[in-house]
Amino acid sequence: MSDIDGRAPESVAKVLPFLRLAMKGYFRSEVRNMDRLPEGGVLIVSNHSGGLLPMDVPIIAVGIADVFGEGRPLYCLSHDVLFTGPLGPIMRKYGMIPATRENAHEVLTSGGATIVFPGGDYDCLREQSKANVVDFGGRTGYVRTALAAGVPILPVVSIGGQEDQFHISRGAALARFNPVLKAMRMPYFPISFGFPFGLTAAFPVNLPLPTKIVTQVLEPIDIAAEFGTDPDIAEVDAVIRGRMQEALDLLASQRRFPVLG
């Protein structure tokens, strides 16, 4: 059985009402232009925010369900740590799958929507001064993944998630001396300040503030049509990030207050 076979639509249907309540009630989430999601296989590419408790996946999942219904499956390429021990089968039930090119290719070529955060933990643990910066840490594999599967890329940006607490540092230097983090392939030991524990280094995890999160879906990008069948990967990545940054800058200009929105 492949990784994508573990998704259980009935489990997703049961949890969606609770996700919707939490995302729209607590975070006042707003998803704009989700109707731009094309039919068939598509690679959703997004910035990643929220430190150790990012809310991007549930917000996008609720946004897709609101527009297309619960029958449109969504898979998320995720870090290996989510699949250790008994967590693995649970994560797969909800469409979380290990972030391998093989898994991405299988989902995309079967007509599924897949979300990936190229910046990963590097992005969602960024310092507060870079809260509104799209930074994938030089990772461009998502472009090759979309090209190999012959599917469009759907860029998505969100704002507000990085205001859930005050993010001070990724703590990369601290992580080098932690054998547990090394074993888990976690290169960061994030330092932040929040509620209720105040200043923390990774654990315990502070509760996210009820920050308003706004998500903007951009126009889909057909790489082959726009850049040719053998494009410069770095150029495609730069263009995509440029469009995402422009959209994020616009969202930032519309935001009046931190947390409040």
C-alpha atoms as a PDB file:
ATOM      1  CA  MET A   1       0.000   0.000   0.000  1.00  0.00           C
ATOM      2  CA  SER A   2       1.356   3.424  -0.915  1.00  0.00           C
ATOM      3  CA  ASP A   3       1.438   6.416   1.437  1.00  0.00           C
ATOM      4  CA  ILE A   4      -1.468   8.132  -0.290  1.00  0.00           C
ATOM      5  CA  ASP A   5      -3.771   5.146   0.246  1.00  0.00           C
ATOM      6  CA  GLY A   6      -3.882   5.877   3.966  1.00  0.00           C
ATOM      7  CA  ARG A   7      -6.124   8.933   3.567  1.00  0.00           C
ATOM      8  CA  ALA A   8      -9.579   8.281   5.043  1.00  0.00           C
ATOM      9  CA  PRO A   9     -12.265  10.623   3.607  1.00  0.00           C
ATOM     10  CA  GLU A  10     -14.657   9.755   6.430  1.00  0.00           C
ATOM     11  CA  SER A  11     -12.087  10.834   9.029  1.00  0.00           C
ATOM     12  CA  VAL A  12     -11.478  14.101   7.177  1.00  0.00           C
ATOM     13  CA  ALA A  13     -15.251  14.747   6.988  1.00  0.00           C
ATOM     14  CA  LYS A  14     -15.605  14.242  10.740  1.00  0.00           C
ATOM     15  CA  VAL A  15     -12.822  16.660  11.663  1.00  0.00           C
ATOM     16  CA  LEU A  16     -13.635  19.417   9.142  1.00  0.00           C
ATOM     17  CA  PRO A  17     -16.449  21.038  11.194  1.00  0.00           C
ATOM     18  CA  PHE A  18     -14.108  21.353  14.185  1.00  0.00           C
ATOM     19  CA  LEU A  19     -11.319  22.742  12.007  1.00  0.00           C
ATOM     20  CA  ARG A  20     -13.720  25.237  10.463  1.00  0.00           C
ATOM     21  CA  LEU A  21     -14.862  26.380  13.901  1.00  0.00           C
ATOM     22  CA  ALA A  22     -11.290  26.773  15.166  1.00  0.00           C
ATOM     23  CA  MET A  23      -9.890  28.448  12.059  1.00  0.00           C
ATOM     24  CA  LYS A  24     -12.767  30.860  11.479  1.00  0.00           C
ATOM     25  CA  GLY A  25     -13.684  31.349  15.110  1.00  0.00           C
ATOM     26  CA  TYR A  26     -10.313  31.666  16.825  1.00  0.00           C
ATOM     27  CA  PHE A  27      -8.078  32.855  13.983  1.00  0.00           C
ATOM     28  CA  ARG A  28     -10.847  34.635  12.018  1.00  0.00           C
ATOM     29  CA  SER A  29      -9.313  33.051   8.922  1.00  0.00           C
ATOM     30  CA  GLU A  30     -10.123  34.556   5.542  1.00  0.00           C
ATOM     31  CA  VAL A  31      -9.221  32.771   2.298  1.00  0.00           C
ATOM     32  CA  ARG A  32      -9.400  34.823  -0.893  1.00  0.00           C
ATOM     33  CA  ASN A  33      -9.845  33.515  -4.451  1.00  0.00           C
ATOM     34  CA  MET A  34      -9.793  29.809  -3.663  1.00  0.00           C
ATOM     35  CA  ASP A  35     -11.856  29.355  -6.834  1.00  0.00           C
ATOM     36  CA  ARG A  36      -8.545  29.740  -8.692  1.00  0.00           C
ATOM     37  CA  LEU A  37      -7.658  26.168  -7.713  1.00  0.00           C
ATOM     38  CA  PRO A  38      -7.656  24.312 -11.056  1.00  0.00           C
ATOM     39  CA  GLU A  39      -9.132  20.878 -11.620  1.00  0.00           C
ATOM     40  CA  GLY A  40      -6.923  17.789 -11.575  1.00  0.00           C
ATOM     41  CA  GLY A  41      -3.402  17.536 -10.257  1.00  0.00           C
ATOM     42  CA  VAL A  42      -2.002  20.791  -8.866  1.00  0.00           C
ATOM     43  CA  LEU A  43       0.919  21.657  -6.622  1.00  0.00           C
ATOM     44  CA  ILE A  44      -0.070  24.309  -4.080  1.00  0.00           C
ATOM     45  CA  VAL A  45       3.028  26.222  -2.977  1.00  0.00           C
ATOM     46  CA  SER A  46       2.800  28.404   0.116  1.00  0.00           C
ATOM     47  CA  ASN A  47       4.822  30.299   2.666  1.00  0.00           C
ATOM     48  CA  HIS A  48       4.727  28.729   6.129  1.00  0.00           C
ATOM     49  CA  SER A  49       3.976  30.589   9.357  1.00  0.00           C
ATOM     50  CA  GLY A  50       3.263  29.975  13.016  1.00  0.00           C
ATOM     51  CA  GLY A  51       6.383  28.519  14.573  1.00  0.00           C
ATOM     52  CA  LEU A  52       5.810  25.093  16.129  1.00  0.00           C
ATOM     53  CA  LEU A  53       2.024  25.387  15.646  1.00  0.00           C
ATOM     54  CA  PRO A  54       1.479  26.539  12.035  1.00  0.00           C
ATOM     55  CA  MET A  55      -2.150  26.775  10.922  1.00  0.00           C
ATOM     56  CA  ASP A  56      -1.640  27.004   7.151  1.00  0.00           C
ATOM     57  CA  VAL A  57      -2.765  23.457   6.314  1.00  0.00           C
ATOM     58  CA  PRO A  58      -6.090  23.477   8.198  1.00  0.00           C
ATOM     59  CA  ILE A  59      -6.918  26.962   6.904  1.00  0.00           C
ATOM     60  CA  ILE A  60      -6.287  25.945   3.297  1.00  0.00           C
ATOM     61  CA  ALA A  61      -8.109  22.634   3.795  1.00  0.00           C
ATOM     62  CA  VAL A  62     -11.176  24.456   5.126  1.00  0.00           C
ATOM     63  CA  GLY A  63     -10.924  26.974   2.282  1.00  0.00           C
ATOM     64  CA  ILE A  64     -10.924  24.201  -0.324  1.00  0.00           C
ATOM     65  CA  ALA A  65     -13.837  22.391   1.346  1.00  0.00           C
ATOM     66  CA  ASP A  66     -15.858  25.613   1.506  1.00  0.00           C
ATOM     67  CA  VAL A  67     -15.519  26.177  -2.255  1.00  0.00           C
ATOM     68  CA  PHE A  68     -15.287  22.661  -3.705  1.00  0.00           C
ATOM     69  CA  GLY A  69     -16.919  20.518  -1.046  1.00  0.00           C
ATOM     70  CA  GLU A  70     -15.414  17.748   1.032  1.00  0.00           C
ATOM     71  CA  GLY A  71     -14.943  15.496  -2.003  1.00  0.00           C
ATOM     72  CA  ARG A  72     -11.858  17.364  -3.257  1.00  0.00           C
ATOM     73  CA  PRO A  73      -8.938  15.544  -1.579  1.00  0.00           C
ATOM     74  CA  LEU A  74      -5.935  17.494  -0.314  1.00  0.00           C
ATOM     75  CA  TYR A  75      -2.570  15.976   0.548  1.00  0.00           C
ATOM     76  CA  CYS A  76       0.223  17.701   2.425  1.00  0.00           C
ATOM     77  CA  LEU A  77       3.895  16.826   2.033  1.00  0.00           C
ATOM     78  CA  SER A  78       5.138  16.776   5.635  1.00  0.00           C
ATOM     79  CA  HIS A  79       8.275  16.336   7.750  1.00  0.00           C
ATOM     80  CA  ASP A  80       9.290  12.789   8.702  1.00  0.00           C
ATOM     81  CA  VAL A  81       8.853  13.550  12.409  1.00  0.00           C
ATOM     82  CA  LEU A  82       5.054  13.442  11.964  1.00  0.00           C
ATOM     83  CA  PHE A  83       5.239   9.783  10.987  1.00  0.00           C
ATOM     84  CA  THR A  84       7.262   8.423  13.890  1.00  0.00           C
ATOM     85  CA  GLY A  85       5.630   5.829  16.123  1.00  0.00           C
ATOM     86  CA  PRO A  86       1.822   5.712  16.403  1.00  0.00           C
ATOM     87  CA  LEU A  87       1.451   9.158  14.808  1.00  0.00           C
ATOM     88  CA  GLY A  88       2.083   7.813  11.302  1.00  0.00           C
ATOM     89  CA  PRO A  89      -1.284   6.129  10.577  1.00  0.00           C
ATOM     90  CA  ILE A  90      -3.170   9.026  12.175  1.00  0.00           C
ATOM     91  CA  MET A  91      -1.398  11.623  10.037  1.00  0.00           C
ATOM     92  CA  ARG A  92      -1.998   9.604   6.874  1.00  0.00           C
ATOM     93  CA  LYS A  93      -5.723   9.458   7.623  1.00  0.00           C
ATOM     94  CA  TYR A  94      -5.872  13.209   7.173  1.00  0.00           C
ATOM     95  CA  GLY A  95      -3.823  13.370   3.996  1.00  0.00           C
ATOM     96  CA  MET A  96      -0.426  14.057   5.538  1.00  0.00           C
ATOM     97  CA  ILE A  97       2.264  12.093   3.699  1.00  0.00           C
ATOM     98  CA  PRO A  98       6.094  11.990   3.922  1.00  0.00           C
ATOM     99  CA  ALA A  99       7.669  14.684   1.770  1.00  0.00           C
ATOM    100  CA  THR A 100       9.277  12.575  -0.938  1.00  0.00           C
ATOM    101  CA  ARG A 101       9.292  13.237  -4.668  1.00  0.00           C
ATOM    102  CA  GLU A 102       7.807   9.791  -5.231  1.00  0.00           C
ATOM    103  CA  ASN A 103       4.799  10.592  -3.034  1.00  0.00           C
ATOM    104  CA  ALA A 104       4.328  14.000  -4.641  1.00  0.00           C
ATOM    105  CA  HIS A 105       4.503  12.518  -8.136  1.00  0.00           C
ATOM    106  CA  GLU A 106       1.980   9.795  -7.286  1.00  0.00           C
ATOM    107  CA  VAL A 107      -0.568  12.237  -5.877  1.00  0.00           C
ATOM    108  CA  LEU A 108      -0.162  14.781  -8.657  1.00  0.00           C
ATOM    109  CA  THR A 109      -0.322  12.310 -11.531  1.00  0.00           C
ATOM    110  CA  SER A 110      -3.429  10.733 -10.006  1.00  0.00           C
ATOM    111  CA  GLY A 111      -5.177  14.108 -10.178  1.00  0.00           C
ATOM    112  CA  GLY A 112      -4.830  15.121  -6.537  1.00  0.00           C
ATOM    113  CA  ALA A 113      -4.143  18.527  -5.025  1.00  0.00           C
ATOM    114  CA  THR A 114      -0.935  18.583  -3.009  1.00  0.00           C
ATOM    115  CA  ILE A 115       0.359  21.350  -0.786  1.00  0.00           C
ATOM    116  CA  VAL A 116       4.028  21.893  -0.094  1.00  0.00           C
ATOM    117  CA  PHE A 117       5.887  24.478   1.955  1.00  0.00           C
ATOM    118  CA  PRO A 118       9.323  24.695   0.311  1.00  0.00           C
ATOM    119  CA  GLY A 119      10.684  26.742   3.210  1.00  0.00           C
ATOM    120  CA  GLY A 120       9.522  24.138   5.734  1.00  0.00           C
ATOM    121  CA  ASP A 121      10.695  24.634   9.319  1.00  0.00           C
ATOM    122  CA  TYR A 122      13.245  27.215   8.122  1.00  0.00           C
ATOM    123  CA  ASP A 123      10.341  29.392   7.002  1.00  0.00           C
ATOM    124  CA  CYS A 124       7.825  28.866   9.819  1.00  0.00           C
ATOM    125  CA  LEU A 125      10.486  29.480  12.499  1.00  0.00           C
ATOM    126  CA  ARG A 126      11.747  32.723  10.959  1.00  0.00           C
ATOM    127  CA  GLU A 127      12.440  35.744  13.155  1.00  0.00           C
ATOM    128  CA  GLN A 128       9.727  38.348  13.748  1.00  0.00           C
ATOM    129  CA  SER A 129      11.608  40.922  11.689  1.00  0.00           C
ATOM    130  CA  LYS A 130      11.072  38.683   8.634  1.00  0.00           C
ATOM    131  CA  ALA A 131       7.442  37.835   9.339  1.00  0.00           C
ATOM    132  CA  ASN A 132       6.329  39.133   5.933  1.00  0.00           C
ATOM    133  CA  VAL A 133       9.195  37.777   3.839  1.00  0.00           C
ATOM    134  CA  VAL A 134       8.820  34.825   1.456  1.00  0.00           C
ATOM    135  CA  ASP A 135      11.977  32.785   1.975  1.00  0.00           C
ATOM    136  CA  PHE A 136      12.287  29.164   0.860  1.00  0.00           C
ATOM    137  CA  GLY A 137      15.882  28.886   2.053  1.00  0.00           C
ATOM    138  CA  GLY A 138      17.111  28.263  -1.494  1.00  0.00           C
ATOM    139  CA  ARG A 139      14.935  25.173  -1.992  1.00  0.00           C
ATOM    140  CA  THR A 140      13.714  24.816  -5.578  1.00  0.00           C
ATOM    141  CA  GLY A 141      12.722  21.135  -5.744  1.00  0.00           C
ATOM    142  CA  TYR A 142       9.040  22.043  -5.931  1.00  0.00           C
ATOM    143  CA  VAL A 143       9.586  23.423  -9.453  1.00  0.00           C
ATOM    144  CA  ARG A 144      11.075  20.126 -10.654  1.00  0.00           C
ATOM    145  CA  THR A 145       8.260  18.218  -8.940  1.00  0.00           C
ATOM    146  CA  ALA A 146       5.570  20.150 -10.810  1.00  0.00           C
ATOM    147  CA  LEU A 147       7.450  19.846 -14.111  1.00  0.00           C
ATOM    148  CA  ALA A 148       7.942  16.100 -13.753  1.00  0.00           C
ATOM    149  CA  ALA A 149       4.234  15.561 -13.045  1.00  0.00           C
ATOM    150  CA  GLY A 150       3.119  17.996 -15.744  1.00  0.00           C
ATOM    151  CA  VAL A 151       0.888  19.982 -13.363  1.00  0.00           C
ATOM    152  CA  PRO A 152       0.482  23.696 -12.636  1.00  0.00           C
ATOM    153  CA  ILE A 153       1.745  25.446  -9.536  1.00  0.00           C
ATOM    154  CA  LEU A 154      -0.771  27.391  -7.467  1.00  0.00           C
ATOM    155  CA  PRO A 155       1.045  30.016  -5.351  1.00  0.00           C
ATOM    156  CA  VAL A 156      -0.564  30.906  -2.022  1.00  0.00           C
ATOM    157  CA  VAL A 157       0.514  33.445   0.607  1.00  0.00           C
ATOM    158  CA  SER A 158      -0.774  34.122   4.091  1.00  0.00           C
ATOM    159  CA  ILE A 159      -0.260  36.829   6.662  1.00  0.00           C
ATOM    160  CA  GLY A 160      -0.837  36.885  10.411  1.00  0.00           C
ATOM    161  CA  GLY A 161       0.339  33.413  11.340  1.00  0.00           C
ATOM    162  CA  GLN A 162       3.768  34.633  12.399  1.00  0.00           C
ATOM    163  CA  GLU A 163       2.098  36.989  14.879  1.00  0.00           C
ATOM    164  CA  ASP A 164       0.875  34.090  17.049  1.00  0.00           C
ATOM    165  CA  GLN A 165       3.782  34.900  19.391  1.00  0.00           C
ATOM    166  CA  PHE A 166       7.076  36.781  19.237  1.00  0.00           C
ATOM    167  CA  HIS A 167       9.585  34.663  17.338  1.00  0.00           C
ATOM    168  CA  ILE A 168      13.127  35.556  18.391  1.00  0.00           C
ATOM    169  CA  SER A 169      15.429  33.001  16.746  1.00  0.00           C
ATOM    170  CA  ARG A 170      15.427  29.653  14.955  1.00  0.00           C
ATOM    171  CA  GLY A 171      18.050  28.508  17.433  1.00  0.00           C
ATOM    172  CA  ALA A 172      20.171  26.701  14.855  1.00  0.00           C
ATOM    173  CA  ALA A 173      23.306  26.940  17.005  1.00  0.00           C
ATOM    174  CA  LEU A 174      21.508  25.400  20.007  1.00  0.00           C
ATOM    175  CA  ALA A 175      20.167  22.533  17.909  1.00  0.00           C
ATOM    176  CA  ARG A 176      23.680  21.401  16.984  1.00  0.00           C
ATOM    177  CA  PHE A 177      24.295  20.382  20.592  1.00  0.00           C
ATOM    178  CA  ASN A 178      21.014  18.487  21.059  1.00  0.00           C
ATOM    179  CA  PRO A 179      21.351  14.779  20.165  1.00  0.00           C
ATOM    180  CA  VAL A 180      17.576  14.234  20.249  1.00  0.00           C
ATOM    181  CA  LEU A 181      16.991  16.931  17.650  1.00  0.00           C
ATOM    182  CA  LYS A 182      19.792  15.526  15.518  1.00  0.00           C
ATOM    183  CA  ALA A 183      18.185  12.083  15.589  1.00  0.00           C
ATOM    184  CA  MET A 184      14.860  13.613  14.544  1.00  0.00           C
ATOM    185  CA  ARG A 185      16.518  15.586  11.713  1.00  0.00           C
ATOM    186  CA  MET A 186      15.417  18.850  13.333  1.00  0.00           C
ATOM    187  CA  PRO A 187      18.072  21.529  12.690  1.00  0.00           C
ATOM    188  CA  TYR A 188      16.419  24.194  14.866  1.00  0.00           C
ATOM    189  CA  PHE A 189      15.729  24.841  18.555  1.00  0.00           C
ATOM    190  CA  PRO A 190      13.382  27.845  18.271  1.00  0.00           C
ATOM    191  CA  ILE A 191      13.343  30.609  20.848  1.00  0.00           C
ATOM    192  CA  SER A 192      10.160  32.633  21.250  1.00  0.00           C
ATOM    193  CA  PHE A 193       8.156  34.681  23.716  1.00  0.00           C
ATOM    194  CA  GLY A 194       4.446  34.096  24.206  1.00  0.00           C
ATOM    195  CA  PHE A 195       1.578  32.997  26.396  1.00  0.00           C
ATOM    196  CA  PRO A 196       1.466  31.382  28.950  1.00  0.00           C
ATOM    197  CA  PHE A 197       5.098  30.309  29.432  1.00  0.00           C
ATOM    198  CA  GLY A 198       6.854  33.505  28.376  1.00  0.00           C
ATOM    199  CA  LEU A 199      10.371  32.965  27.021  1.00  0.00           C
ATOM    200  CA  THR A 200      10.777  29.394  25.780  1.00  0.00           C
ATOM    201  CA  ALA A 201      13.354  27.399  23.827  1.00  0.00           C
ATOM    202  CA  ALA A 202      11.269  24.928  21.814  1.00  0.00           C
ATOM    203  CA  PHE A 203       9.409  23.449  24.797  1.00  0.00           C
ATOM    204  CA  PRO A 204       7.036  23.985  26.441  1.00  0.00           C
ATOM    205  CA  VAL A 205       5.073  25.289  23.456  1.00  0.00           C
ATOM    206  CA  ASN A 206       3.229  28.565  23.999  1.00  0.00           C
ATOM    207  CA  LEU A 207      -0.404  28.812  22.936  1.00  0.00           C
ATOM    208  CA  PRO A 208      -0.940  30.777  19.714  1.00  0.00           C
ATOM    209  CA  LEU A 209      -2.529  34.195  20.095  1.00  0.00           C
ATOM    210  CA  PRO A 210      -5.871  34.672  18.286  1.00  0.00           C
ATOM    211  CA  THR A 211      -4.194  36.428  15.380  1.00  0.00           C
ATOM    212  CA  LYS A 212      -6.253  37.091  12.263  1.00  0.00           C
ATOM    213  CA  ILE A 213      -4.864  35.053   9.358  1.00  0.00           C
ATOM    214  CA  VAL A 214      -5.572  36.136   5.790  1.00  0.00           C
ATOM    215  CA  THR A 215      -4.703  33.793   2.911  1.00  0.00           C
ATOM    216  CA  GLN A 216      -4.467  34.925  -0.709  1.00  0.00           C
ATOM    217  CA  VAL A 217      -4.569  32.461  -3.615  1.00  0.00           C
ATOM    218  CA  LEU A 218      -2.721  33.683  -6.724  1.00  0.00           C
ATOM    219  CA  GLU A 219      -3.251  32.734 -10.359  1.00  0.00           C
ATOM    220  CA  PRO A 220      -2.019  29.231 -11.260  1.00  0.00           C
ATOM    221  CA  ILE A 221       1.257  28.970 -13.190  1.00  0.00           C
ATOM    222  CA  ASP A 222       1.734  26.570 -16.106  1.00  0.00           C
ATOM    223  CA  ILE A 223       5.527  26.298 -16.054  1.00  0.00           C
ATOM    224  CA  ALA A 224       5.952  24.758 -19.517  1.00  0.00           C
ATOM    225  CA  ALA A 225       3.607  27.279 -21.147  1.00  0.00           C
ATOM    226  CA  GLU A 226       5.244  30.272 -19.477  1.00  0.00           C
ATOM    227  CA  PHE A 227       8.898  29.249 -19.295  1.00  0.00           C
ATOM    228  CA  GLY A 228       9.260  26.426 -21.830  1.00  0.00           C
ATOM    229  CA  THR A 229       9.690  22.675 -21.428  1.00  0.00           C
ATOM    230  CA  ASP A 230      13.313  22.949 -20.246  1.00  0.00           C
ATOM    231  CA  PRO A 231      13.344  26.113 -18.116  1.00  0.00           C
ATOM    232  CA  ASP A 232      15.982  27.552 -15.840  1.00  0.00           C
ATOM    233  CA  ILE A 233      14.774  26.227 -12.458  1.00  0.00           C
ATOM    234  CA  ALA A 234      16.325  29.123 -10.538  1.00  0.00           C
ATOM    235  CA  GLU A 235      14.586  31.618 -12.818  1.00  0.00           C
ATOM    236  CA  VAL A 236      11.190  29.954 -12.363  1.00  0.00           C
ATOM    237  CA  ASP A 237      11.677  29.886  -8.594  1.00  0.00           C
ATOM    238  CA  ALA A 238      12.648  33.573  -8.554  1.00  0.00           C
ATOM    239  CA  VAL A 239       9.574  34.559 -10.566  1.00  0.00           C
ATOM    240  CA  ILE A 240       7.217  32.537  -8.361  1.00  0.00           C
ATOM    241  CA  ARG A 241       8.701  33.903  -5.154  1.00  0.00           C
ATOM    242  CA  GLY A 242       8.597  37.397  -6.627  1.00  0.00           C
ATOM    243  CA  ARG A 243       4.870  37.134  -7.327  1.00  0.00           C
ATOM    244  CA  MET A 244       4.258  35.697  -3.891  1.00  0.00           C
ATOM    245  CA  GLN A 245       6.249  38.477  -2.229  1.00  0.00           C
ATOM    246  CA  GLU A 246       4.313  41.114  -4.166  1.00  0.00           C
ATOM    247  CA  ALA A 247       1.027  39.584  -2.980  1.00  0.00           C
ATOM    248  CA  LEU A 248       2.298  39.344   0.604  1.00  0.00           C
ATOM    249  CA  ASP A 249       3.429  42.979   0.521  1.00  0.00           C
ATOM    250  CA  LEU A 250      -0.087  43.960  -0.564  1.00  0.00           C
ATOM    251  CA  LEU A 251      -1.606  41.998   2.327  1.00  0.00           C
ATOM    252  CA  ALA A 252       0.853  43.681   4.704  1.00  0.00           C
ATOM    253  CA  SER A 253      -0.156  47.131   3.433  1.00  0.00           C
ATOM    254  CA  GLN A 254      -3.796  46.294   4.170  1.00  0.00           C
ATOM    255  CA  ARG A 255      -3.102  45.068   7.708  1.00  0.00           C
ATOM    256  CA  ARG A 256      -3.755  47.765  10.276  1.00  0.00           C
ATOM    257  CA  PHE A 257      -2.596  46.179  13.532  1.00  0.00           C
ATOM    258  CA  PRO A 258      -0.612  43.061  14.548  1.00  0.00           C
ATOM    259  CA  VAL A 259      -2.794  40.183  15.778  1.00  0.00           C
ATOM    260  CA  LEU A 260      -5.992  42.226  15.389  1.00  0.00           C
ATOM    261  CA  GLY A 261      -5.610  42.373  11.612  1.00  0.00           C
END
